[in-house]
Amino acid sequence: MEGVIHGRKIKYEDGKLWLWREKHGKQIFKNPYWFELKGNITSDGYRCVGINKRLLKYHRVVYYIHNQ
């Protein structure tokens, strides 16, 4: 399943989140690729991932992609 969150393409496949990387800053890649979002675990026990300088909870991103 694929979707767009905050202007970034995100794919959920085999229990993992993938982010489409086509540029770094202002530099555009010749060969864009899918990058795995691993995130970190907060003190509350939630797994968080950063998308476009925003920290989002992993389970909410998965929920959003499922309902798009």
C-alpha atoms as a PDB file:
ATOM      1  CA  MET A   1       0.000   0.000   0.000  1.00  0.00           C
ATOM      2  CA  GLU A   2       1.218   3.466  -0.864  1.00  0.00           C
ATOM      3  CA  GLY A   3       0.220   6.941   0.169  1.00  0.00           C
ATOM      4  CA  VAL A   4       1.432  10.516   0.517  1.00  0.00           C
ATOM      5  CA  ILE A   5       2.022  12.084   3.940  1.00  0.00           C
ATOM      6  CA  HIS A   6       3.281  15.672   4.236  1.00  0.00           C
ATOM      7  CA  GLY A   7       4.289  15.638   0.571  1.00  0.00           C
ATOM      8  CA  ARG A   8       6.377  12.442   0.773  1.00  0.00           C
ATOM      9  CA  LYS A   9       5.578   9.080  -0.834  1.00  0.00           C
ATOM     10  CA  ILE A  10       5.334   6.294   1.744  1.00  0.00           C
ATOM     11  CA  LYS A  11       4.901   2.567   1.162  1.00  0.00           C
ATOM     12  CA  TYR A  12       3.860  -0.068   3.717  1.00  0.00           C
ATOM     13  CA  GLU A  13       5.027  -3.526   2.726  1.00  0.00           C
ATOM     14  CA  ASP A  14       5.798  -6.686   4.738  1.00  0.00           C
ATOM     15  CA  GLY A  15       5.320  -4.857   8.043  1.00  0.00           C
ATOM     16  CA  LYS A  16       7.853  -2.117   7.177  1.00  0.00           C
ATOM     17  CA  LEU A  17       7.510   1.528   6.188  1.00  0.00           C
ATOM     18  CA  TRP A  18       9.451   2.779   3.165  1.00  0.00           C
ATOM     19  CA  LEU A  19      10.067   6.394   2.129  1.00  0.00           C
ATOM     20  CA  TRP A  20      10.722   7.425  -1.496  1.00  0.00           C
ATOM     21  CA  ARG A  21      14.019   9.354  -1.640  1.00  0.00           C
ATOM     22  CA  GLU A  22      14.483  11.368  -4.804  1.00  0.00           C
ATOM     23  CA  LYS A  23      16.465  14.298  -3.442  1.00  0.00           C
ATOM     24  CA  HIS A  24      18.639  15.339  -0.523  1.00  0.00           C
ATOM     25  CA  GLY A  25      18.202  19.018   0.250  1.00  0.00           C
ATOM     26  CA  LYS A  26      18.322  20.737  -3.130  1.00  0.00           C
ATOM     27  CA  GLN A  27      20.332  17.972  -4.802  1.00  0.00           C
ATOM     28  CA  ILE A  28      18.283  15.563  -6.976  1.00  0.00           C
ATOM     29  CA  PHE A  29      19.405  11.918  -7.106  1.00  0.00           C
ATOM     30  CA  LYS A  30      20.082  10.283 -10.476  1.00  0.00           C
ATOM     31  CA  ASN A  31      18.709   6.993  -9.141  1.00  0.00           C
ATOM     32  CA  PRO A  32      15.895   7.566  -6.612  1.00  0.00           C
ATOM     33  CA  TYR A  33      15.199   4.681  -4.232  1.00  0.00           C
ATOM     34  CA  TRP A  34      12.985   3.398  -1.392  1.00  0.00           C
ATOM     35  CA  PHE A  35      14.499   4.028   2.071  1.00  0.00           C
ATOM     36  CA  GLU A  36      13.321   2.053   5.119  1.00  0.00           C
ATOM     37  CA  LEU A  37      11.945   4.141   8.010  1.00  0.00           C
ATOM     38  CA  LYS A  38      13.082   2.567  11.270  1.00  0.00           C
ATOM     39  CA  GLY A  39      12.394   5.372  13.724  1.00  0.00           C
ATOM     40  CA  ASN A  40      13.063   5.292  17.451  1.00  0.00           C
ATOM     41  CA  ILE A  41      11.192   4.330  20.613  1.00  0.00           C
ATOM     42  CA  THR A  42      10.139   7.149  22.955  1.00  0.00           C
ATOM     43  CA  SER A  43      10.008   7.002  26.748  1.00  0.00           C
ATOM     44  CA  ASP A  44       6.248   6.324  26.448  1.00  0.00           C
ATOM     45  CA  GLY A  45       6.997   3.143  24.502  1.00  0.00           C
ATOM     46  CA  TYR A  46       5.731   4.424  21.128  1.00  0.00           C
ATOM     47  CA  ARG A  47       7.749   4.009  17.955  1.00  0.00           C
ATOM     48  CA  CYS A  48       8.190   7.334  16.116  1.00  0.00           C
ATOM     49  CA  VAL A  49       9.427   8.153  12.612  1.00  0.00           C
ATOM     50  CA  GLY A  50      10.470  11.482  11.118  1.00  0.00           C
ATOM     51  CA  ILE A  51       8.771  12.580   7.886  1.00  0.00           C
ATOM     52  CA  ASN A  52       9.605  16.027   6.481  1.00  0.00           C
ATOM     53  CA  LYS A  53      10.994  17.283   9.814  1.00  0.00           C
ATOM     54  CA  ARG A  54       7.868  16.129  11.679  1.00  0.00           C
ATOM     55  CA  LEU A  55       7.880  13.365  14.264  1.00  0.00           C
ATOM     56  CA  LEU A  56       4.932  11.005  13.725  1.00  0.00           C
ATOM     57  CA  LYS A  57       3.926   7.871  15.583  1.00  0.00           C
ATOM     58  CA  TYR A  58       4.553   4.721  13.539  1.00  0.00           C
ATOM     59  CA  HIS A  59       1.161   3.123  14.207  1.00  0.00           C
ATOM     60  CA  ARG A  60      -0.657   6.307  13.123  1.00  0.00           C
ATOM     61  CA  VAL A  61       1.252   6.385   9.819  1.00  0.00           C
ATOM     62  CA  VAL A  62       0.321   2.739   9.163  1.00  0.00           C
ATOM     63  CA  TYR A  63      -3.329   3.491  10.030  1.00  0.00           C
ATOM     64  CA  TYR A  64      -3.382   6.486   7.671  1.00  0.00           C
ATOM     65  CA  ILE A  65      -1.934   4.464   4.769  1.00  0.00           C
ATOM     66  CA  HIS A  66      -4.462   1.666   5.298  1.00  0.00           C
ATOM     67  CA  ASN A  67      -7.353   4.152   5.185  1.00  0.00           C
ATOM     68  CA  GLN A  68      -6.238   6.164   2.146  1.00  0.00           C
END
